[in-house]
mmCIF file of all heavy atoms, coordinates in Angstrom:
data_MODEL
# 
_entry.id   MODEL 
# 
loop_
_atom_site.group_PDB 
_atom_site.id 
_atom_site.type_symbol 
_atom_site.label_atom_id 
_atom_site.label_alt_id 
_atom_site.label_comp_id 
_atom_site.label_asym_id 
_atom_site.label_entity_id 
_atom_site.label_seq_id 
_atom_site.pdbx_PDB_ins_code 
_atom_site.Cartn_x 
_atom_site.Cartn_y 
_atom_site.Cartn_z 
_atom_site.occupancy 
_atom_site.B_iso_or_equiv 
_atom_site.pdbx_formal_charge 
_atom_site.auth_seq_id 
_atom_site.auth_comp_id 
_atom_site.auth_asym_id 
_atom_site.auth_atom_id 
_atom_site.pdbx_PDB_model_num 
ATOM 1   N N   . TYR A 1 1  ? 109.242 52.979 4.629  1.00 0.00 ? 1  TYR A N   1 
ATOM 2   C CA  . TYR A 1 1  ? 109.835 51.753 5.176  1.00 0.00 ? 1  TYR A CA  1 
ATOM 3   C C   . TYR A 1 1  ? 110.411 52.014 6.560  1.00 0.00 ? 1  TYR A C   1 
ATOM 4   O O   . TYR A 1 1  ? 110.200 51.222 7.491  1.00 0.00 ? 1  TYR A O   1 
ATOM 5   C CB  . TYR A 1 1  ? 110.927 51.236 4.231  1.00 0.00 ? 1  TYR A CB  1 
ATOM 6   C CG  . TYR A 1 1  ? 111.722 50.078 4.807  1.00 0.00 ? 1  TYR A CG  1 
ATOM 7   C CD1 . TYR A 1 1  ? 111.253 48.771 4.712  1.00 0.00 ? 1  TYR A CD1 1 
ATOM 8   C CD2 . TYR A 1 1  ? 112.952 50.290 5.434  1.00 0.00 ? 1  TYR A CD2 1 
ATOM 9   C CE1 . TYR A 1 1  ? 111.975 47.705 5.233  1.00 0.00 ? 1  TYR A CE1 1 
ATOM 10  C CE2 . TYR A 1 1  ? 113.690 49.232 5.949  1.00 0.00 ? 1  TYR A CE2 1 
ATOM 11  C CZ  . TYR A 1 1  ? 113.197 47.948 5.854  1.00 0.00 ? 1  TYR A CZ  1 
ATOM 12  O OH  . TYR A 1 1  ? 113.922 46.903 6.379  1.00 0.00 ? 1  TYR A OH  1 
ATOM 13  N N   . TRP A 1 2  ? 111.121 53.132 6.721  1.00 0.00 ? 2  TRP A N   1 
ATOM 14  C CA  . TRP A 1 2  ? 111.769 53.402 8.011  1.00 0.00 ? 2  TRP A CA  1 
ATOM 15  C C   . TRP A 1 2  ? 110.759 53.764 9.083  1.00 0.00 ? 2  TRP A C   1 
ATOM 16  O O   . TRP A 1 2  ? 110.977 53.497 10.275 1.00 0.00 ? 2  TRP A O   1 
ATOM 17  C CB  . TRP A 1 2  ? 112.836 54.479 7.836  1.00 0.00 ? 2  TRP A CB  1 
ATOM 18  C CG  . TRP A 1 2  ? 113.912 53.993 6.918  1.00 0.00 ? 2  TRP A CG  1 
ATOM 19  C CD1 . TRP A 1 2  ? 114.178 54.399 5.640  1.00 0.00 ? 2  TRP A CD1 1 
ATOM 20  C CD2 . TRP A 1 2  ? 114.835 52.924 7.177  1.00 0.00 ? 2  TRP A CD2 1 
ATOM 21  N NE1 . TRP A 1 2  ? 115.191 53.669 5.097  1.00 0.00 ? 2  TRP A NE1 1 
ATOM 22  C CE2 . TRP A 1 2  ? 115.612 52.756 6.013  1.00 0.00 ? 2  TRP A CE2 1 
ATOM 23  C CE3 . TRP A 1 2  ? 115.062 52.101 8.272  1.00 0.00 ? 2  TRP A CE3 1 
ATOM 24  C CZ2 . TRP A 1 2  ? 116.620 51.791 5.930  1.00 0.00 ? 2  TRP A CZ2 1 
ATOM 25  C CZ3 . TRP A 1 2  ? 116.053 51.138 8.201  1.00 0.00 ? 2  TRP A CZ3 1 
ATOM 26  C CH2 . TRP A 1 2  ? 116.822 50.993 7.032  1.00 0.00 ? 2  TRP A CH2 1 
ATOM 27  N N   . ARG A 1 3  ? 109.644 54.348 8.706  1.00 0.00 ? 3  ARG A N   1 
ATOM 28  C CA  . ARG A 1 3  ? 108.546 54.555 9.660  1.00 0.00 ? 3  ARG A CA  1 
ATOM 29  C C   . ARG A 1 3  ? 108.035 53.207 10.167 1.00 0.00 ? 3  ARG A C   1 
ATOM 30  O O   . ARG A 1 3  ? 107.808 53.011 11.368 1.00 0.00 ? 3  ARG A O   1 
ATOM 31  C CB  . ARG A 1 3  ? 107.398 55.324 9.009  1.00 0.00 ? 3  ARG A CB  1 
ATOM 32  C CG  . ARG A 1 3  ? 107.624 56.818 8.849  1.00 0.00 ? 3  ARG A CG  1 
ATOM 33  C CD  . ARG A 1 3  ? 106.301 57.494 8.484  1.00 0.00 ? 3  ARG A CD  1 
ATOM 34  N NE  . ARG A 1 3  ? 106.473 58.920 8.261  1.00 0.00 ? 3  ARG A NE  1 
ATOM 35  C CZ  . ARG A 1 3  ? 106.649 59.480 7.076  1.00 0.00 ? 3  ARG A CZ  1 
ATOM 36  N NH1 . ARG A 1 3  ? 106.716 58.708 5.990  1.00 0.00 ? 3  ARG A NH1 1 
ATOM 37  N NH2 . ARG A 1 3  ? 106.785 60.784 6.954  1.00 0.00 ? 3  ARG A NH2 1 
ATOM 38  N N   . GLN A 1 4  ? 107.859 52.276 9.244  1.00 0.00 ? 4  GLN A N   1 
ATOM 39  C CA  . GLN A 1 4  ? 107.360 50.954 9.615  1.00 0.00 ? 4  GLN A CA  1 
ATOM 40  C C   . GLN A 1 4  ? 108.328 50.235 10.549 1.00 0.00 ? 4  GLN A C   1 
ATOM 41  O O   . GLN A 1 4  ? 107.909 49.529 11.472 1.00 0.00 ? 4  GLN A O   1 
ATOM 42  C CB  . GLN A 1 4  ? 107.132 50.100 8.364  1.00 0.00 ? 4  GLN A CB  1 
ATOM 43  C CG  . GLN A 1 4  ? 106.007 50.589 7.473  1.00 0.00 ? 4  GLN A CG  1 
ATOM 44  C CD  . GLN A 1 4  ? 105.980 49.884 6.134  1.00 0.00 ? 4  GLN A CD  1 
ATOM 45  O OE1 . GLN A 1 4  ? 106.781 48.971 5.876  1.00 0.00 ? 4  GLN A OE1 1 
ATOM 46  N NE2 . GLN A 1 4  ? 105.065 50.298 5.262  1.00 0.00 ? 4  GLN A NE2 1 
ATOM 47  N N   . GLN A 1 5  ? 109.619 50.427 10.345 1.00 0.00 ? 5  GLN A N   1 
ATOM 48  C CA  . GLN A 1 5  ? 110.620 49.782 11.200 1.00 0.00 ? 5  GLN A CA  1 
ATOM 49  C C   . GLN A 1 5  ? 110.754 50.491 12.549 1.00 0.00 ? 5  GLN A C   1 
ATOM 50  O O   . GLN A 1 5  ? 111.340 49.950 13.486 1.00 0.00 ? 5  GLN A O   1 
ATOM 51  C CB  . GLN A 1 5  ? 111.980 49.747 10.494 1.00 0.00 ? 5  GLN A CB  1 
ATOM 52  C CG  . GLN A 1 5  ? 111.982 49.095 9.129  1.00 0.00 ? 5  GLN A CG  1 
ATOM 53  C CD  . GLN A 1 5  ? 111.396 47.700 9.150  1.00 0.00 ? 5  GLN A CD  1 
ATOM 54  O OE1 . GLN A 1 5  ? 111.816 46.836 9.928  1.00 0.00 ? 5  GLN A OE1 1 
ATOM 55  N NE2 . GLN A 1 5  ? 110.401 47.460 8.288  1.00 0.00 ? 5  GLN A NE2 1 
ATOM 56  N N   . GLY A 1 6  ? 110.255 51.729 12.618 1.00 0.00 ? 6  GLY A N   1 
ATOM 57  C CA  . GLY A 1 6  ? 110.296 52.465 13.877 1.00 0.00 ? 6  GLY A CA  1 
ATOM 58  C C   . GLY A 1 6  ? 111.582 53.217 14.119 1.00 0.00 ? 6  GLY A C   1 
ATOM 59  O O   . GLY A 1 6  ? 111.885 53.574 15.272 1.00 0.00 ? 6  GLY A O   1 
ATOM 60  N N   . CYS A 1 7  ? 112.345 53.485 13.059 1.00 0.00 ? 7  CYS A N   1 
ATOM 61  C CA  . CYS A 1 7  ? 113.620 54.179 13.289 1.00 0.00 ? 7  CYS A CA  1 
ATOM 62  C C   . CYS A 1 7  ? 113.947 55.214 12.216 1.00 0.00 ? 7  CYS A C   1 
ATOM 63  O O   . CYS A 1 7  ? 115.114 55.439 11.886 1.00 0.00 ? 7  CYS A O   1 
ATOM 64  C CB  . CYS A 1 7  ? 114.766 53.185 13.440 1.00 0.00 ? 7  CYS A CB  1 
ATOM 65  S SG  . CYS A 1 7  ? 114.840 51.887 12.186 1.00 0.00 ? 7  CYS A SG  1 
ATOM 66  N N   . TRP A 1 8  ? 112.911 55.864 11.675 1.00 0.00 ? 8  TRP A N   1 
ATOM 67  C CA  . TRP A 1 8  ? 113.162 56.989 10.782 1.00 0.00 ? 8  TRP A CA  1 
ATOM 68  C C   . TRP A 1 8  ? 113.697 58.148 11.604 1.00 0.00 ? 8  TRP A C   1 
ATOM 69  O O   . TRP A 1 8  ? 113.090 58.576 12.576 1.00 0.00 ? 8  TRP A O   1 
ATOM 70  C CB  . TRP A 1 8  ? 111.891 57.392 10.040 1.00 0.00 ? 8  TRP A CB  1 
ATOM 71  C CG  . TRP A 1 8  ? 112.077 58.578 9.127  1.00 0.00 ? 8  TRP A CG  1 
ATOM 72  C CD1 . TRP A 1 8  ? 113.188 58.871 8.408  1.00 0.00 ? 8  TRP A CD1 1 
ATOM 73  C CD2 . TRP A 1 8  ? 111.136 59.605 8.848  1.00 0.00 ? 8  TRP A CD2 1 
ATOM 74  N NE1 . TRP A 1 8  ? 113.004 60.028 7.687  1.00 0.00 ? 8  TRP A NE1 1 
ATOM 75  C CE2 . TRP A 1 8  ? 111.748 60.495 7.933  1.00 0.00 ? 8  TRP A CE2 1 
ATOM 76  C CE3 . TRP A 1 8  ? 109.828 59.854 9.270  1.00 0.00 ? 8  TRP A CE3 1 
ATOM 77  C CZ2 . TRP A 1 8  ? 111.091 61.618 7.451  1.00 0.00 ? 8  TRP A CZ2 1 
ATOM 78  C CZ3 . TRP A 1 8  ? 109.185 60.963 8.771  1.00 0.00 ? 8  TRP A CZ3 1 
ATOM 79  C CH2 . TRP A 1 8  ? 109.810 61.844 7.872  1.00 0.00 ? 8  TRP A CH2 1 
ATOM 80  N N   . ASP A 1 9  ? 114.851 58.663 11.204 1.00 0.00 ? 9  ASP A N   1 
ATOM 81  C CA  . ASP A 1 9  ? 115.539 59.706 11.959 1.00 0.00 ? 9  ASP A CA  1 
ATOM 82  C C   . ASP A 1 9  ? 114.997 61.085 11.598 1.00 0.00 ? 9  ASP A C   1 
ATOM 83  O O   . ASP A 1 9  ? 115.104 61.525 10.455 1.00 0.00 ? 9  ASP A O   1 
ATOM 84  C CB  . ASP A 1 9  ? 117.047 59.632 11.660 1.00 0.00 ? 9  ASP A CB  1 
ATOM 85  C CG  . ASP A 1 9  ? 117.830 60.722 12.376 1.00 0.00 ? 9  ASP A CG  1 
ATOM 86  O OD1 . ASP A 1 9  ? 117.357 61.202 13.428 1.00 0.00 ? 9  ASP A OD1 1 
ATOM 87  O OD2 . ASP A 1 9  ? 118.913 61.082 11.883 1.00 0.00 ? 9  ASP A OD2 1 
ATOM 88  N N   . THR A 1 10 ? 114.408 61.760 12.588 1.00 0.00 ? 10 THR A N   1 
ATOM 89  C CA  . THR A 1 10 ? 113.939 63.133 12.403 1.00 0.00 ? 10 THR A CA  1 
ATOM 90  C C   . THR A 1 10 ? 114.567 64.101 13.396 1.00 0.00 ? 10 THR A C   1 
ATOM 91  O O   . THR A 1 10 ? 114.323 65.303 13.306 1.00 0.00 ? 10 THR A O   1 
ATOM 92  C CB  . THR A 1 10 ? 112.407 63.221 12.551 1.00 0.00 ? 10 THR A CB  1 
ATOM 93  O OG1 . THR A 1 10 ? 112.034 62.803 13.882 1.00 0.00 ? 10 THR A OG1 1 
ATOM 94  C CG2 . THR A 1 10 ? 111.709 62.310 11.540 1.00 0.00 ? 10 THR A CG2 1 
ATOM 95  N N   . GLN A 1 11 ? 115.371 63.584 14.337 1.00 0.00 ? 11 GLN A N   1 
ATOM 96  C CA  . GLN A 1 11 ? 115.837 64.409 15.450 1.00 0.00 ? 11 GLN A CA  1 
ATOM 97  C C   . GLN A 1 11 ? 117.331 64.706 15.439 1.00 0.00 ? 11 GLN A C   1 
ATOM 98  O O   . GLN A 1 11 ? 117.761 65.693 16.037 1.00 0.00 ? 11 GLN A O   1 
ATOM 99  C CB  . GLN A 1 11 ? 115.492 63.709 16.785 1.00 0.00 ? 11 GLN A CB  1 
ATOM 100 C CG  . GLN A 1 11 ? 114.017 63.430 16.971 1.00 0.00 ? 11 GLN A CG  1 
ATOM 101 C CD  . GLN A 1 11 ? 113.188 64.697 17.030 1.00 0.00 ? 11 GLN A CD  1 
ATOM 102 O OE1 . GLN A 1 11 ? 113.597 65.688 17.625 1.00 0.00 ? 11 GLN A OE1 1 
ATOM 103 N NE2 . GLN A 1 11 ? 112.026 64.673 16.394 1.00 0.00 ? 11 GLN A NE2 1 
ATOM 104 N N   . SER A 1 12 ? 118.134 63.894 14.803 1.00 0.00 ? 12 SER A N   1 
ATOM 105 C CA  . SER A 1 12 ? 119.581 64.034 14.916 1.00 0.00 ? 12 SER A CA  1 
ATOM 106 C C   . SER A 1 12 ? 120.111 65.248 14.160 1.00 0.00 ? 12 SER A C   1 
ATOM 107 O O   . SER A 1 12 ? 119.391 65.904 13.406 1.00 0.00 ? 12 SER A O   1 
ATOM 108 C CB  . SER A 1 12 ? 120.287 62.773 14.391 1.00 0.00 ? 12 SER A CB  1 
ATOM 109 O OG  . SER A 1 12 ? 120.253 62.740 12.972 1.00 0.00 ? 12 SER A OG  1 
ATOM 110 N N   . GLU A 1 13 ? 121.387 65.525 14.370 1.00 0.00 ? 13 GLU A N   1 
ATOM 111 C CA  . GLU A 1 13 ? 122.064 66.601 13.638 1.00 0.00 ? 13 GLU A CA  1 
ATOM 112 C C   . GLU A 1 13 ? 121.970 66.375 12.130 1.00 0.00 ? 13 GLU A C   1 
ATOM 113 O O   . GLU A 1 13 ? 121.750 67.313 11.358 1.00 0.00 ? 13 GLU A O   1 
ATOM 114 C CB  . GLU A 1 13 ? 123.532 66.667 14.061 1.00 0.00 ? 13 GLU A CB  1 
ATOM 115 C CG  . GLU A 1 13 ? 123.781 67.254 15.432 1.00 0.00 ? 13 GLU A CG  1 
ATOM 116 C CD  . GLU A 1 13 ? 123.662 68.762 15.437 1.00 0.00 ? 13 GLU A CD  1 
ATOM 117 O OE1 . GLU A 1 13 ? 124.103 69.393 14.466 1.00 0.00 ? 13 GLU A OE1 1 
ATOM 118 O OE2 . GLU A 1 13 ? 123.112 69.305 16.410 1.00 0.00 ? 13 GLU A OE2 1 
ATOM 119 N N   . LEU A 1 14 ? 122.135 65.130 11.709 1.00 0.00 ? 14 LEU A N   1 
ATOM 120 C CA  . LEU A 1 14 ? 122.129 64.828 10.284 1.00 0.00 ? 14 LEU A CA  1 
ATOM 121 C C   . LEU A 1 14 ? 120.736 64.949 9.686  1.00 0.00 ? 14 LEU A C   1 
ATOM 122 O O   . LEU A 1 14 ? 120.601 65.167 8.478  1.00 0.00 ? 14 LEU A O   1 
ATOM 123 C CB  . LEU A 1 14 ? 122.673 63.422 10.042 1.00 0.00 ? 14 LEU A CB  1 
ATOM 124 C CG  . LEU A 1 14 ? 124.155 63.208 10.388 1.00 0.00 ? 14 LEU A CG  1 
ATOM 125 C CD1 . LEU A 1 14 ? 124.529 61.744 10.227 1.00 0.00 ? 14 LEU A CD1 1 
ATOM 126 C CD2 . LEU A 1 14 ? 125.035 64.082 9.515  1.00 0.00 ? 14 LEU A CD2 1 
ATOM 127 N N   . ALA A 1 15 ? 119.706 64.810 10.524 1.00 0.00 ? 15 ALA A N   1 
ATOM 128 C CA  . ALA A 1 15 ? 118.341 64.919 10.033 1.00 0.00 ? 15 ALA A CA  1 
ATOM 129 C C   . ALA A 1 15 ? 117.861 66.358 9.985  1.00 0.00 ? 15 ALA A C   1 
ATOM 130 O O   . ALA A 1 15 ? 116.741 66.622 9.521  1.00 0.00 ? 15 ALA A O   1 
ATOM 131 C CB  . ALA A 1 15 ? 117.404 64.097 10.912 1.00 0.00 ? 15 ALA A CB  1 
ATOM 132 N N   . ASN A 1 16 ? 118.714 67.297 10.438 1.00 0.00 ? 16 ASN A N   1 
ATOM 133 C CA  . ASN A 1 16 ? 118.295 68.688 10.516 1.00 0.00 ? 16 ASN A CA  1 
ATOM 134 C C   . ASN A 1 16 ? 119.339 69.665 9.982  1.00 0.00 ? 16 ASN A C   1 
ATOM 135 O O   . ASN A 1 16 ? 119.262 70.867 10.276 1.00 0.00 ? 16 ASN A O   1 
ATOM 136 C CB  . ASN A 1 16 ? 117.939 69.038 11.962 1.00 0.00 ? 16 ASN A CB  1 
ATOM 137 C CG  . ASN A 1 16 ? 116.630 68.402 12.398 1.00 0.00 ? 16 ASN A CG  1 
ATOM 138 O OD1 . ASN A 1 16 ? 115.553 68.873 12.061 1.00 0.00 ? 16 ASN A OD1 1 
ATOM 139 N ND2 . ASN A 1 16 ? 116.726 67.281 13.119 1.00 0.00 ? 16 ASN A ND2 1 
ATOM 140 N N   . ASN A 1 17 ? 120.276 69.145 9.220  1.00 0.00 ? 17 ASN A N   1 
ATOM 141 C CA  . ASN A 1 17 ? 121.281 69.991 8.574  1.00 0.00 ? 17 ASN A CA  1 
ATOM 142 C C   . ASN A 1 17 ? 121.669 69.395 7.232  1.00 0.00 ? 17 ASN A C   1 
ATOM 143 O O   . ASN A 1 17 ? 121.693 68.171 7.077  1.00 0.00 ? 17 ASN A O   1 
ATOM 144 C CB  . ASN A 1 17 ? 122.531 70.124 9.448  1.00 0.00 ? 17 ASN A CB  1 
ATOM 145 C CG  . ASN A 1 17 ? 122.299 71.003 10.664 1.00 0.00 ? 17 ASN A CG  1 
ATOM 146 O OD1 . ASN A 1 17 ? 122.152 72.214 10.554 1.00 0.00 ? 17 ASN A OD1 1 
ATOM 147 N ND2 . ASN A 1 17 ? 122.260 70.380 11.838 1.00 0.00 ? 17 ASN A ND2 1 
ATOM 148 N N   . ALA A 1 18 ? 121.994 70.269 6.285  1.00 0.00 ? 18 ALA A N   1 
ATOM 149 C CA  . ALA A 1 18 ? 122.481 69.774 4.999  1.00 0.00 ? 18 ALA A CA  1 
ATOM 150 C C   . ALA A 1 18 ? 123.849 69.134 5.160  1.00 0.00 ? 18 ALA A C   1 
ATOM 151 O O   . ALA A 1 18 ? 124.165 68.133 4.523  1.00 0.00 ? 18 ALA A O   1 
ATOM 152 C CB  . ALA A 1 18 ? 122.539 70.905 3.984  1.00 0.00 ? 18 ALA A CB  1 
ATOM 153 N N   . THR A 1 19 ? 124.682 69.720 6.024  1.00 0.00 ? 19 THR A N   1 
ATOM 154 C CA  . THR A 1 19 ? 125.963 69.115 6.397  1.00 0.00 ? 19 THR A CA  1 
ATOM 155 C C   . THR A 1 19 ? 126.160 69.302 7.893  1.00 0.00 ? 19 THR A C   1 
ATOM 156 O O   . THR A 1 19 ? 125.652 70.267 8.484  1.00 0.00 ? 19 THR A O   1 
ATOM 157 C CB  . THR A 1 19 ? 127.160 69.739 5.651  1.00 0.00 ? 19 THR A CB  1 
ATOM 158 O OG1 . THR A 1 19 ? 127.230 71.145 5.943  1.00 0.00 ? 19 THR A OG1 1 
ATOM 159 C CG2 . THR A 1 19 ? 127.031 69.542 4.154  1.00 0.00 ? 19 THR A CG2 1 
ATOM 160 N N   . SER A 1 20 ? 126.901 68.390 8.506  1.00 0.00 ? 20 SER A N   1 
ATOM 161 C CA  . SER A 1 20 ? 127.129 68.457 9.940  1.00 0.00 ? 20 SER A CA  1 
ATOM 162 C C   . SER A 1 20 ? 128.552 68.024 10.273 1.00 0.00 ? 20 SER A C   1 
ATOM 163 O O   . SER A 1 20 ? 129.074 67.077 9.661  1.00 0.00 ? 20 SER A O   1 
ATOM 164 C CB  . SER A 1 20 ? 126.136 67.555 10.682 1.00 0.00 ? 20 SER A CB  1 
ATOM 165 O OG  . SER A 1 20 ? 126.423 67.507 12.062 1.00 0.00 ? 20 SER A OG  1 
ATOM 166 N N   . ASP A 1 21 ? 129.163 68.699 11.238 1.00 0.00 ? 21 ASP A N   1 
ATOM 167 C CA  . ASP A 1 21 ? 130.501 68.288 11.668 1.00 0.00 ? 21 ASP A CA  1 
ATOM 168 C C   . ASP A 1 21 ? 130.440 67.081 12.595 1.00 0.00 ? 21 ASP A C   1 
ATOM 169 O O   . ASP A 1 21 ? 131.482 66.547 12.989 1.00 0.00 ? 21 ASP A O   1 
ATOM 170 C CB  . ASP A 1 21 ? 131.246 69.447 12.335 1.00 0.00 ? 21 ASP A CB  1 
ATOM 171 C CG  . ASP A 1 21 ? 130.545 69.964 13.594 1.00 0.00 ? 21 ASP A CG  1 
ATOM 172 O OD1 . ASP A 1 21 ? 129.537 69.362 14.022 1.00 0.00 ? 21 ASP A OD1 1 
ATOM 173 O OD2 . ASP A 1 21 ? 131.005 70.985 14.140 1.00 0.00 ? 21 ASP A OD2 1 
ATOM 174 N N   . TYR A 1 22 ? 129.234 66.638 12.947 1.00 0.00 ? 22 TYR A N   1 
ATOM 175 C CA  . TYR A 1 22 ? 129.081 65.445 13.782 1.00 0.00 ? 22 TYR A CA  1 
ATOM 176 C C   . TYR A 1 22 ? 129.024 64.200 12.905 1.00 0.00 ? 22 TYR A C   1 
ATOM 177 O O   . TYR A 1 22 ? 128.302 64.197 11.889 1.00 0.00 ? 22 TYR A O   1 
ATOM 178 C CB  . TYR A 1 22 ? 127.803 65.537 14.615 1.00 0.00 ? 22 TYR A CB  1 
ATOM 179 C CG  . TYR A 1 22 ? 127.529 64.310 15.451 1.00 0.00 ? 22 TYR A CG  1 
ATOM 180 C CD1 . TYR A 1 22 ? 128.134 64.154 16.692 1.00 0.00 ? 22 TYR A CD1 1 
ATOM 181 C CD2 . TYR A 1 22 ? 126.691 63.301 14.979 1.00 0.00 ? 22 TYR A CD2 1 
ATOM 182 C CE1 . TYR A 1 22 ? 127.892 63.017 17.459 1.00 0.00 ? 22 TYR A CE1 1 
ATOM 183 C CE2 . TYR A 1 22 ? 126.451 62.162 15.736 1.00 0.00 ? 22 TYR A CE2 1 
ATOM 184 C CZ  . TYR A 1 22 ? 127.050 62.034 16.972 1.00 0.00 ? 22 TYR A CZ  1 
ATOM 185 O OH  . TYR A 1 22 ? 126.812 60.903 17.725 1.00 0.00 ? 22 TYR A OH  1 
ATOM 186 N N   . PRO A 1 23 ? 129.716 63.121 13.214 1.00 0.00 ? 23 PRO A N   1 
ATOM 187 C CA  . PRO A 1 23 ? 130.633 62.978 14.347 1.00 0.00 ? 23 PRO A CA  1 
ATOM 188 C C   . PRO A 1 23 ? 132.116 63.088 13.952 1.00 0.00 ? 23 PRO A C   1 
ATOM 189 O O   . PRO A 1 23 ? 132.984 62.886 14.791 1.00 0.00 ? 23 PRO A O   1 
ATOM 190 C CB  . PRO A 1 23 ? 130.325 61.556 14.816 1.00 0.00 ? 23 PRO A CB  1 
ATOM 191 C CG  . PRO A 1 23 ? 130.044 60.815 13.531 1.00 0.00 ? 23 PRO A CG  1 
ATOM 192 C CD  . PRO A 1 23 ? 129.394 61.818 12.600 1.00 0.00 ? 23 PRO A CD  1 
ATOM 193 N N   . TYR A 1 24 ? 132.419 63.367 12.678 1.00 0.00 ? 24 TYR A N   1 
ATOM 194 C CA  . TYR A 1 24 ? 133.801 63.242 12.213 1.00 0.00 ? 24 TYR A CA  1 
ATOM 195 C C   . TYR A 1 24 ? 134.514 64.569 12.004 1.00 0.00 ? 24 TYR A C   1 
ATOM 196 O O   . TYR A 1 24 ? 135.712 64.588 11.744 1.00 0.00 ? 24 TYR A O   1 
ATOM 197 C CB  . TYR A 1 24 ? 133.828 62.448 10.907 1.00 0.00 ? 24 TYR A CB  1 
ATOM 198 C CG  . TYR A 1 24 ? 133.263 61.053 11.028 1.00 0.00 ? 24 TYR A CG  1 
ATOM 199 C CD1 . TYR A 1 24 ? 132.092 60.695 10.347 1.00 0.00 ? 24 TYR A CD1 1 
ATOM 200 C CD2 . TYR A 1 24 ? 133.887 60.101 11.817 1.00 0.00 ? 24 TYR A CD2 1 
ATOM 201 C CE1 . TYR A 1 24 ? 131.573 59.416 10.455 1.00 0.00 ? 24 TYR A CE1 1 
ATOM 202 C CE2 . TYR A 1 24 ? 133.375 58.816 11.923 1.00 0.00 ? 24 TYR A CE2 1 
ATOM 203 C CZ  . TYR A 1 24 ? 132.213 58.476 11.241 1.00 0.00 ? 24 TYR A CZ  1 
ATOM 204 O OH  . TYR A 1 24 ? 131.696 57.224 11.347 1.00 0.00 ? 24 TYR A OH  1 
ATOM 205 N N   . ASN A 1 25 ? 133.787 65.677 12.036 1.00 0.00 ? 25 ASN A N   1 
ATOM 206 C CA  . ASN A 1 25 ? 134.384 66.995 11.818 1.00 0.00 ? 25 ASN A CA  1 
ATOM 207 C C   . ASN A 1 25 ? 135.073 67.085 10.454 1.00 0.00 ? 25 ASN A C   1 
ATOM 208 O O   . ASN A 1 25 ? 136.165 67.636 10.318 1.00 0.00 ? 25 ASN A O   1 
ATOM 209 C CB  . ASN A 1 25 ? 135.379 67.333 12.932 1.00 0.00 ? 25 ASN A CB  1 
ATOM 210 C CG  . ASN A 1 25 ? 135.719 68.815 12.970 1.00 0.00 ? 25 ASN A CG  1 
ATOM 211 O OD1 . ASN A 1 25 ? 134.899 69.649 12.602 1.00 0.00 ? 25 ASN A OD1 1 
ATOM 212 N ND2 . ASN A 1 25 ? 136.934 69.134 13.393 1.00 0.00 ? 25 ASN A ND2 1 
# 
């Protein structure tokens, strides 16, 4: 579905880590 909408996230910190301090630490 998100591919079809054009906004599936593959690049952000959240898309490349199990947990991330971005943006709330």
